[in-house]
Amino acid sequence: MDNPDGGELLVNEFSAAVHHASTSQHLDEHKTWICSEGIDSISSPAELWELREDHFPNVQFLPHVQQHLETLDPKWFKGARRLLQQLEASAAAWDPSIPGGAHWEAANIRPEHQQARRERWWDDLDGVSRCFELHGNLNRGYGRIYFRLVPEEKAIRIAHIAEHL
């Protein structure tokens, strides 16, 4: 950069706390915030599905969940989007090496009762049938998101976003 006065170029360096600017070393520190930016502007299930890896990097979806989203009653979409955002935050902060599971950012995350677990089995991404025993409620108890923790991938895997089974 040229100095307009023709003299020696002076460079001033300083540090400032800026929420949206950082070095690549700080990316992990800001990752949750970066991923959550723009979620509220996602206005359709199709758009959410298309952007899922950008906004929910710690949440995985079984392939049939795309159809669940596309057929979800539109009045319940915001609740599903909000719960997915909360599950993402929980997964991002989760340390699988600490016993007890994740700290839930959403209210009412709980395992199914023993009898209900018989109906919460889906073929997982590797083709093995597994119990997706955890669930969170959508708006005012309508519908559920059924999921399981995947400690080896530090992820939450979604099997069902639809009506209560």
N, C-alpha and C. Protein backbone atom coordinates (compact mmCIF):
# COMPACT_ATOMS: atom_id res chain seq x y z
N MET A 1 0.85 -1.17 0.00
CA MET A 1 0.00 0.00 0.00
C MET A 1 0.90 1.23 0.00
N ASP A 2 0.61 2.17 -0.86
CA ASP A 2 1.41 3.39 -0.96
C ASP A 2 0.98 4.40 0.09
N ASN A 3 1.97 5.12 0.60
CA ASN A 3 1.70 6.20 1.54
C ASN A 3 1.46 7.46 0.72
N PRO A 4 0.31 8.11 0.84
CA PRO A 4 0.02 9.29 0.03
C PRO A 4 0.96 10.46 0.31
N ASP A 5 1.63 10.49 1.44
CA ASP A 5 2.56 11.57 1.77
C ASP A 5 3.95 11.31 1.20
N GLY A 6 4.14 10.14 0.62
CA GLY A 6 5.43 9.81 0.05
C GLY A 6 6.47 9.34 1.05
N GLY A 7 6.16 9.36 2.32
CA GLY A 7 7.11 8.94 3.34
C GLY A 7 7.02 7.45 3.62
N GLU A 8 7.64 7.06 4.70
CA GLU A 8 7.67 5.66 5.09
C GLU A 8 6.25 5.20 5.45
N LEU A 9 5.87 4.02 5.00
CA LEU A 9 4.57 3.46 5.29
C LEU A 9 4.55 2.93 6.71
N LEU A 10 3.58 3.34 7.46
CA LEU A 10 3.42 2.88 8.83
C LEU A 10 2.25 1.92 8.91
N VAL A 11 2.44 0.86 9.63
CA VAL A 11 1.39 -0.13 9.81
C VAL A 11 1.07 -0.19 11.30
N ASN A 12 -0.18 -0.02 11.60
CA ASN A 12 -0.64 -0.14 12.98
C ASN A 12 -1.40 -1.44 13.12
N GLU A 13 -1.00 -2.24 14.08
CA GLU A 13 -1.72 -3.47 14.37
C GLU A 13 -2.38 -3.32 15.72
N PHE A 14 -3.59 -3.88 15.85
CA PHE A 14 -4.29 -3.85 17.12
C PHE A 14 -5.24 -5.04 17.18
N SER A 15 -5.64 -5.35 18.38
CA SER A 15 -6.62 -6.42 18.59
C SER A 15 -7.90 -5.80 19.10
N ALA A 16 -9.00 -6.36 18.64
CA ALA A 16 -10.31 -5.90 19.09
C ALA A 16 -11.24 -7.10 19.14
N ALA A 17 -12.14 -7.10 20.08
CA ALA A 17 -13.12 -8.18 20.19
C ALA A 17 -14.26 -7.90 19.23
N VAL A 18 -14.36 -8.70 18.20
CA VAL A 18 -15.41 -8.56 17.20
C VAL A 18 -16.05 -9.92 17.04
N HIS A 19 -17.35 -10.01 17.26
CA HIS A 19 -18.04 -11.30 17.29
C HIS A 19 -17.97 -12.05 15.96
N HIS A 20 -17.95 -11.34 14.85
CA HIS A 20 -18.05 -12.00 13.55
C HIS A 20 -16.75 -11.98 12.74
N ALA A 21 -15.66 -11.64 13.34
CA ALA A 21 -14.39 -11.66 12.62
C ALA A 21 -13.36 -12.34 13.50
N SER A 22 -12.62 -13.27 12.92
CA SER A 22 -11.62 -13.97 13.70
C SER A 22 -10.64 -14.66 12.75
N THR A 23 -9.68 -15.27 13.34
CA THR A 23 -8.71 -16.03 12.56
C THR A 23 -9.23 -17.45 12.38
N SER A 24 -8.61 -18.19 11.49
CA SER A 24 -9.05 -19.56 11.27
C SER A 24 -8.90 -20.41 12.52
N GLN A 25 -7.97 -20.04 13.40
CA GLN A 25 -7.80 -20.79 14.64
C GLN A 25 -9.01 -20.63 15.57
N HIS A 26 -9.76 -19.57 15.39
CA HIS A 26 -10.92 -19.31 16.24
C HIS A 26 -12.22 -19.87 15.67
N LEU A 27 -12.14 -20.55 14.55
CA LEU A 27 -13.35 -21.03 13.89
C LEU A 27 -14.20 -21.91 14.81
N ASP A 28 -13.58 -22.85 15.51
CA ASP A 28 -14.35 -23.74 16.38
C ASP A 28 -15.10 -22.96 17.46
N GLU A 29 -14.46 -21.91 17.95
CA GLU A 29 -15.09 -21.09 18.99
C GLU A 29 -16.37 -20.44 18.49
N HIS A 30 -16.41 -20.09 17.21
CA HIS A 30 -17.56 -19.39 16.64
C HIS A 30 -18.47 -20.28 15.81
N LYS A 31 -18.15 -21.57 15.70
CA LYS A 31 -18.87 -22.46 14.80
C LYS A 31 -20.36 -22.52 15.10
N THR A 32 -20.74 -22.63 16.36
CA THR A 32 -22.15 -22.71 16.71
C THR A 32 -22.89 -21.45 16.28
N TRP A 33 -22.28 -20.31 16.54
CA TRP A 33 -22.91 -19.05 16.15
C TRP A 33 -23.03 -18.96 14.62
N ILE A 34 -21.98 -19.33 13.91
CA ILE A 34 -21.99 -19.27 12.44
C ILE A 34 -23.10 -20.15 11.88
N CYS A 35 -23.21 -21.37 12.42
CA CYS A 35 -24.22 -22.30 11.93
C CYS A 35 -25.63 -21.84 12.23
N SER A 36 -25.82 -21.14 13.34
CA SER A 36 -27.17 -20.71 13.71
C SER A 36 -27.61 -19.46 12.95
N GLU A 37 -26.67 -18.71 12.41
CA GLU A 37 -27.03 -17.51 11.67
C GLU A 37 -27.86 -17.89 10.43
N GLY A 38 -28.97 -17.25 10.28
CA GLY A 38 -29.81 -17.46 9.11
C GLY A 38 -30.84 -18.56 9.25
N ILE A 39 -30.82 -19.31 10.34
CA ILE A 39 -31.80 -20.40 10.49
C ILE A 39 -33.22 -19.85 10.48
N ASP A 40 -33.43 -18.73 11.14
CA ASP A 40 -34.79 -18.17 11.19
C ASP A 40 -35.30 -17.74 9.82
N SER A 41 -34.40 -17.54 8.87
CA SER A 41 -34.84 -17.15 7.53
C SER A 41 -35.18 -18.36 6.65
N ILE A 42 -34.89 -19.55 7.12
CA ILE A 42 -35.27 -20.76 6.37
C ILE A 42 -36.78 -20.88 6.47
N SER A 43 -37.45 -20.83 5.34
CA SER A 43 -38.90 -20.70 5.36
C SER A 43 -39.66 -21.93 4.88
N SER A 44 -38.95 -22.98 4.49
CA SER A 44 -39.66 -24.16 4.01
C SER A 44 -38.90 -25.43 4.37
N PRO A 45 -39.61 -26.53 4.48
CA PRO A 45 -38.95 -27.80 4.74
C PRO A 45 -37.93 -28.18 3.67
N ALA A 46 -38.23 -27.88 2.42
CA ALA A 46 -37.30 -28.20 1.33
C ALA A 46 -36.00 -27.41 1.48
N GLU A 47 -36.11 -26.14 1.85
CA GLU A 47 -34.93 -25.31 2.07
C GLU A 47 -34.13 -25.81 3.27
N LEU A 48 -34.83 -26.20 4.33
CA LEU A 48 -34.15 -26.73 5.50
C LEU A 48 -33.36 -27.99 5.14
N TRP A 49 -33.99 -28.86 4.36
CA TRP A 49 -33.30 -30.10 3.95
C TRP A 49 -32.06 -29.78 3.13
N GLU A 50 -32.19 -28.85 2.20
CA GLU A 50 -31.07 -28.48 1.34
C GLU A 50 -29.91 -27.88 2.13
N LEU A 51 -30.21 -27.12 3.17
CA LEU A 51 -29.19 -26.42 3.95
C LEU A 51 -28.81 -27.14 5.25
N ARG A 52 -29.29 -28.36 5.44
CA ARG A 52 -29.11 -29.06 6.71
C ARG A 52 -27.64 -29.22 7.10
N GLU A 53 -26.77 -29.53 6.16
CA GLU A 53 -25.35 -29.74 6.50
C GLU A 53 -24.66 -28.44 6.90
N ASP A 54 -25.12 -27.31 6.36
CA ASP A 54 -24.55 -26.02 6.72
C ASP A 54 -24.97 -25.58 8.12
N HIS A 55 -26.24 -25.77 8.43
CA HIS A 55 -26.78 -25.27 9.69
C HIS A 55 -26.77 -26.29 10.83
N PHE A 56 -26.70 -27.56 10.47
CA PHE A 56 -26.75 -28.61 11.49
C PHE A 56 -25.61 -29.61 11.28
N PRO A 57 -24.36 -29.17 11.37
CA PRO A 57 -23.25 -30.08 11.07
C PRO A 57 -23.08 -31.23 12.06
N ASN A 58 -23.68 -31.12 13.24
CA ASN A 58 -23.58 -32.19 14.24
C ASN A 58 -24.86 -33.01 14.35
N VAL A 59 -25.78 -32.76 13.43
CA VAL A 59 -27.04 -33.51 13.38
C VAL A 59 -27.10 -34.22 12.04
N GLN A 60 -27.33 -35.51 12.10
CA GLN A 60 -27.44 -36.32 10.89
C GLN A 60 -28.89 -36.77 10.74
N PHE A 61 -29.29 -37.05 9.52
CA PHE A 61 -30.67 -37.40 9.23
C PHE A 61 -30.71 -38.70 8.43
N LEU A 62 -31.58 -39.62 8.83
CA LEU A 62 -31.82 -40.77 7.98
C LEU A 62 -32.49 -40.26 6.71
N PRO A 63 -32.25 -40.92 5.57
CA PRO A 63 -32.77 -40.39 4.29
C PRO A 63 -34.28 -40.17 4.26
N HIS A 64 -35.07 -41.02 4.90
CA HIS A 64 -36.53 -40.87 4.83
C HIS A 64 -37.04 -39.64 5.59
N VAL A 65 -36.19 -38.99 6.37
CA VAL A 65 -36.61 -37.80 7.11
C VAL A 65 -36.92 -36.65 6.14
N GLN A 66 -36.32 -36.67 4.96
CA GLN A 66 -36.64 -35.65 3.96
C GLN A 66 -38.14 -35.67 3.66
N GLN A 67 -38.70 -36.85 3.48
CA GLN A 67 -40.14 -36.94 3.22
C GLN A 67 -40.95 -36.49 4.43
N HIS A 68 -40.47 -36.80 5.63
CA HIS A 68 -41.17 -36.34 6.84
C HIS A 68 -41.26 -34.81 6.83
N LEU A 69 -40.14 -34.16 6.53
CA LEU A 69 -40.13 -32.69 6.50
C LEU A 69 -41.06 -32.15 5.42
N GLU A 70 -40.99 -32.74 4.25
CA GLU A 70 -41.79 -32.24 3.13
C GLU A 70 -43.28 -32.39 3.35
N THR A 71 -43.69 -33.35 4.19
CA THR A 71 -45.12 -33.56 4.45
C THR A 71 -45.54 -33.02 5.82
N LEU A 72 -44.63 -32.37 6.52
CA LEU A 72 -44.95 -31.81 7.83
C LEU A 72 -45.95 -30.67 7.67
N ASP A 73 -46.95 -30.65 8.53
CA ASP A 73 -47.93 -29.58 8.51
C ASP A 73 -47.19 -28.25 8.65
N PRO A 74 -47.41 -27.30 7.74
CA PRO A 74 -46.67 -26.03 7.77
C PRO A 74 -46.75 -25.29 9.11
N LYS A 75 -47.84 -25.43 9.84
CA LYS A 75 -47.95 -24.72 11.11
C LYS A 75 -47.00 -25.29 12.16
N TRP A 76 -46.41 -26.46 11.92
CA TRP A 76 -45.48 -27.07 12.87
C TRP A 76 -44.03 -26.93 12.43
N PHE A 77 -43.82 -26.31 11.27
CA PHE A 77 -42.46 -26.20 10.74
C PHE A 77 -41.53 -25.39 11.65
N LYS A 78 -41.98 -24.25 12.14
CA LYS A 78 -41.11 -23.42 12.99
C LYS A 78 -40.69 -24.16 14.25
N GLY A 79 -41.59 -24.94 14.83
CA GLY A 79 -41.24 -25.73 16.00
C GLY A 79 -40.18 -26.77 15.69
N ALA A 80 -40.30 -27.41 14.54
CA ALA A 80 -39.29 -28.41 14.13
C ALA A 80 -37.95 -27.73 13.89
N ARG A 81 -37.97 -26.59 13.21
CA ARG A 81 -36.74 -25.84 12.93
C ARG A 81 -36.06 -25.41 14.23
N ARG A 82 -36.84 -24.92 15.19
CA ARG A 82 -36.30 -24.48 16.47
C ARG A 82 -35.71 -25.67 17.25
N LEU A 83 -36.42 -26.79 17.27
CA LEU A 83 -35.91 -27.96 18.00
C LEU A 83 -34.64 -28.49 17.34
N LEU A 84 -34.57 -28.50 16.03
CA LEU A 84 -33.34 -28.93 15.36
C LEU A 84 -32.18 -27.99 15.71
N GLN A 85 -32.44 -26.71 15.79
CA GLN A 85 -31.40 -25.75 16.18
C GLN A 85 -30.92 -26.03 17.60
N GLN A 86 -31.84 -26.35 18.50
CA GLN A 86 -31.47 -26.66 19.88
C GLN A 86 -30.70 -27.98 19.95
N LEU A 87 -31.09 -28.96 19.16
CA LEU A 87 -30.36 -30.22 19.13
C LEU A 87 -28.95 -30.01 18.58
N GLU A 88 -28.81 -29.16 17.58
CA GLU A 88 -27.48 -28.84 17.06
C GLU A 88 -26.61 -28.22 18.14
N ALA A 89 -27.15 -27.28 18.88
CA ALA A 89 -26.37 -26.64 19.96
C ALA A 89 -25.97 -27.67 21.01
N SER A 90 -26.87 -28.57 21.34
CA SER A 90 -26.57 -29.62 22.32
C SER A 90 -25.46 -30.53 21.81
N ALA A 91 -25.56 -30.93 20.56
CA ALA A 91 -24.55 -31.83 19.98
C ALA A 91 -23.19 -31.14 19.88
N ALA A 92 -23.19 -29.86 19.53
CA ALA A 92 -21.93 -29.13 19.40
C ALA A 92 -21.20 -29.03 20.73
N ALA A 93 -21.95 -28.90 21.81
CA ALA A 93 -21.35 -28.74 23.14
C ALA A 93 -21.08 -30.07 23.83
N TRP A 94 -21.58 -31.15 23.29
CA TRP A 94 -21.51 -32.47 23.92
C TRP A 94 -20.10 -33.04 23.86
N ASP A 95 -19.66 -33.58 24.96
CA ASP A 95 -18.40 -34.31 25.02
C ASP A 95 -18.72 -35.77 25.28
N PRO A 96 -18.67 -36.62 24.25
CA PRO A 96 -19.04 -38.02 24.43
C PRO A 96 -18.20 -38.79 25.45
N SER A 97 -17.03 -38.25 25.80
CA SER A 97 -16.18 -38.94 26.77
C SER A 97 -16.68 -38.75 28.21
N ILE A 98 -17.60 -37.83 28.40
CA ILE A 98 -18.16 -37.59 29.73
C ILE A 98 -19.45 -38.40 29.87
N PRO A 99 -19.52 -39.30 30.85
CA PRO A 99 -20.72 -40.12 31.02
C PRO A 99 -21.96 -39.27 31.27
N GLY A 100 -23.09 -39.79 30.85
CA GLY A 100 -24.36 -39.12 31.13
C GLY A 100 -25.00 -38.49 29.91
N GLY A 101 -24.33 -38.47 28.78
CA GLY A 101 -24.93 -37.93 27.57
C GLY A 101 -24.81 -36.43 27.47
N ALA A 102 -25.56 -35.90 26.55
CA ALA A 102 -25.51 -34.46 26.24
C ALA A 102 -26.32 -33.65 27.24
N HIS A 103 -25.96 -32.38 27.36
CA HIS A 103 -26.78 -31.41 28.10
C HIS A 103 -27.76 -30.84 27.08
N TRP A 104 -29.04 -30.98 27.32
CA TRP A 104 -30.04 -30.59 26.32
C TRP A 104 -30.36 -29.11 26.39
N GLU A 105 -30.26 -28.45 25.26
CA GLU A 105 -30.63 -27.04 25.13
C GLU A 105 -32.14 -26.88 25.02
N ALA A 106 -32.82 -27.94 24.67
CA ALA A 106 -34.28 -27.91 24.52
C ALA A 106 -34.93 -28.52 25.76
N ALA A 107 -36.10 -28.01 26.09
CA ALA A 107 -36.86 -28.59 27.19
C ALA A 107 -37.50 -29.90 26.73
N ASN A 108 -37.76 -30.76 27.66
CA ASN A 108 -38.51 -31.99 27.40
C ASN A 108 -37.83 -33.00 26.48
N ILE A 109 -36.53 -33.05 26.46
CA ILE A 109 -35.83 -34.13 25.76
C ILE A 109 -35.78 -35.29 26.75
N ARG A 110 -36.26 -36.43 26.31
CA ARG A 110 -36.29 -37.57 27.22
C ARG A 110 -36.32 -38.88 26.43
N PRO A 111 -35.96 -39.97 27.12
CA PRO A 111 -36.07 -41.28 26.47
C PRO A 111 -37.51 -41.78 26.49
N GLU A 112 -37.80 -42.67 25.58
CA GLU A 112 -39.11 -43.31 25.55
C GLU A 112 -39.25 -44.28 26.71
N HIS A 113 -40.47 -44.54 27.10
CA HIS A 113 -40.75 -45.57 28.08
C HIS A 113 -40.41 -46.92 27.48
N GLN A 114 -40.12 -47.87 28.30
CA GLN A 114 -39.67 -49.18 27.85
C GLN A 114 -40.62 -49.81 26.83
N GLN A 115 -41.92 -49.75 27.08
CA GLN A 115 -42.88 -50.34 26.14
C GLN A 115 -42.86 -49.63 24.78
N ALA A 116 -42.75 -48.33 24.78
CA ALA A 116 -42.77 -47.57 23.53
C ALA A 116 -41.51 -47.79 22.70
N ARG A 117 -40.42 -48.16 23.33
CA ARG A 117 -39.17 -48.36 22.60
C ARG A 117 -39.29 -49.45 21.54
N ARG A 118 -40.19 -50.38 21.71
CA ARG A 118 -40.36 -51.44 20.70
C ARG A 118 -40.75 -50.88 19.35
N GLU A 119 -41.37 -49.70 19.34
CA GLU A 119 -41.84 -49.09 18.09
C GLU A 119 -40.92 -47.97 17.60
N ARG A 120 -39.74 -47.86 18.18
CA ARG A 120 -38.82 -46.77 17.83
C ARG A 120 -37.54 -47.27 17.17
N TRP A 121 -37.65 -48.33 16.41
CA TRP A 121 -36.50 -48.92 15.71
C TRP A 121 -36.57 -48.57 14.24
N TRP A 122 -35.45 -48.10 13.71
CA TRP A 122 -35.32 -47.79 12.29
C TRP A 122 -33.99 -48.34 11.80
N ASP A 123 -33.93 -48.61 10.50
CA ASP A 123 -32.66 -49.01 9.90
C ASP A 123 -31.77 -47.78 9.85
N ASP A 124 -30.62 -47.89 10.48
CA ASP A 124 -29.68 -46.78 10.57
C ASP A 124 -28.93 -46.62 9.24
N LEU A 125 -28.06 -45.62 9.17
CA LEU A 125 -27.32 -45.34 7.93
C LEU A 125 -26.49 -46.52 7.46
N ASP A 126 -26.04 -47.37 8.39
CA ASP A 126 -25.25 -48.54 8.02
C ASP A 126 -26.10 -49.78 7.78
N GLY A 127 -27.43 -49.63 7.79
CA GLY A 127 -28.34 -50.74 7.54
C GLY A 127 -28.70 -51.55 8.77
N VAL A 128 -28.07 -51.27 9.90
CA VAL A 128 -28.36 -51.98 11.15
C VAL A 128 -29.57 -51.33 11.81
N SER A 129 -30.51 -52.15 12.25
CA SER A 129 -31.69 -51.63 12.94
C SER A 129 -31.30 -51.21 14.36
N ARG A 130 -31.64 -49.95 14.71
CA ARG A 130 -31.30 -49.42 16.03
C ARG A 130 -32.49 -48.70 16.63
N CYS A 131 -32.49 -48.65 17.96
CA CYS A 131 -33.53 -47.94 18.68
C CYS A 131 -33.18 -46.45 18.77
N PHE A 132 -34.08 -45.62 18.31
CA PHE A 132 -33.95 -44.16 18.40
C PHE A 132 -34.87 -43.75 19.55
N GLU A 133 -34.37 -43.95 20.75
CA GLU A 133 -35.21 -43.87 21.94
C GLU A 133 -35.42 -42.47 22.48
N LEU A 134 -34.58 -41.52 22.11
CA LEU A 134 -34.73 -40.16 22.62
C LEU A 134 -35.71 -39.38 21.75
N HIS A 135 -36.41 -38.45 22.36
CA HIS A 135 -37.31 -37.61 21.57
C HIS A 135 -37.48 -36.25 22.21
N GLY A 136 -37.86 -35.31 21.36
CA GLY A 136 -38.23 -33.97 21.78
C GLY A 136 -39.57 -33.63 21.16
N ASN A 137 -40.33 -32.81 21.85
CA ASN A 137 -41.66 -32.43 21.38
C ASN A 137 -41.57 -31.26 20.41
N LEU A 138 -42.44 -31.28 19.44
CA LEU A 138 -42.63 -30.09 18.61
C LEU A 138 -43.61 -29.18 19.34
N ASN A 139 -44.19 -28.24 18.66
CA ASN A 139 -45.06 -27.24 19.29
C ASN A 139 -46.14 -27.86 20.16
N ARG A 140 -46.18 -27.42 21.39
CA ARG A 140 -47.24 -27.78 22.34
C ARG A 140 -47.55 -29.28 22.33
N GLY A 141 -46.52 -30.08 22.21
CA GLY A 141 -46.70 -31.52 22.31
C GLY A 141 -47.06 -32.21 21.01
N TYR A 142 -47.38 -31.43 19.96
CA TYR A 142 -47.69 -32.07 18.68
C TYR A 142 -46.41 -32.61 18.10
N GLY A 143 -46.46 -33.80 17.67
CA GLY A 143 -45.35 -34.37 16.93
C GLY A 143 -44.10 -34.58 17.76
N ARG A 144 -43.17 -35.26 17.17
CA ARG A 144 -41.93 -35.60 17.84
C ARG A 144 -40.78 -35.60 16.85
N ILE A 145 -39.61 -35.39 17.39
CA ILE A 145 -38.38 -35.70 16.68
C ILE A 145 -37.75 -36.83 17.48
N TYR A 146 -37.65 -38.00 16.85
CA TYR A 146 -37.01 -39.16 17.49
C TYR A 146 -35.57 -39.22 16.99
N PHE A 147 -34.65 -39.44 17.93
CA PHE A 147 -33.24 -39.44 17.56
C PHE A 147 -32.44 -40.32 18.51
N ARG A 148 -31.18 -40.48 18.18
CA ARG A 148 -30.26 -41.19 19.06
C ARG A 148 -28.93 -40.47 19.04
N LEU A 149 -28.15 -40.67 20.10
CA LEU A 149 -26.80 -40.14 20.16
C LEU A 149 -25.87 -41.10 19.44
N VAL A 150 -24.90 -40.53 18.72
CA VAL A 150 -23.90 -41.33 18.02
C VAL A 150 -22.54 -40.88 18.55
N PRO A 151 -22.11 -41.45 19.69
CA PRO A 151 -20.88 -40.98 20.35
C PRO A 151 -19.63 -41.07 19.48
N GLU A 152 -19.52 -42.12 18.69
CA GLU A 152 -18.31 -42.29 17.87
C GLU A 152 -18.16 -41.21 16.79
N GLU A 153 -19.25 -40.49 16.51
CA GLU A 153 -19.20 -39.40 15.53
C GLU A 153 -19.53 -38.05 16.17
N LYS A 154 -19.72 -38.04 17.49
CA LYS A 154 -20.11 -36.82 18.22
C LYS A 154 -21.28 -36.13 17.52
N ALA A 155 -22.32 -36.94 17.29
CA ALA A 155 -23.45 -36.45 16.51
C ALA A 155 -24.76 -36.94 17.10
N ILE A 156 -25.82 -36.28 16.68
CA ILE A 156 -27.18 -36.72 16.94
C ILE A 156 -27.73 -37.17 15.59
N ARG A 157 -28.39 -38.32 15.56
CA ARG A 157 -28.96 -38.83 14.31
C ARG A 157 -30.47 -38.88 14.44
N ILE A 158 -31.16 -38.24 13.49
CA ILE A 158 -32.61 -38.11 13.47
C ILE A 158 -33.22 -39.23 12.63
N ALA A 159 -34.26 -39.87 13.18
CA ALA A 159 -34.96 -40.92 12.44
C ALA A 159 -36.39 -40.54 12.09
N HIS A 160 -36.97 -39.54 12.79
CA HIS A 160 -38.39 -39.27 12.61
C HIS A 160 -38.68 -37.82 13.00
N ILE A 161 -39.32 -37.10 12.09
CA ILE A 161 -39.85 -35.76 12.39
C ILE A 161 -41.27 -35.76 11.87
N ALA A 162 -42.20 -36.01 12.74
CA ALA A 162 -43.59 -36.10 12.32
C ALA A 162 -44.47 -36.26 13.55
N GLU A 163 -45.64 -36.85 13.33
CA GLU A 163 -46.57 -37.05 14.41
C GLU A 163 -46.01 -37.98 15.48
N HIS A 164 -46.59 -37.87 16.65
CA HIS A 164 -46.21 -38.76 17.75
C HIS A 164 -46.59 -40.18 17.35
N LEU A 165 -45.70 -41.11 17.54
CA LEU A 165 -45.98 -42.51 17.19
C LEU A 165 -46.71 -43.20 18.32
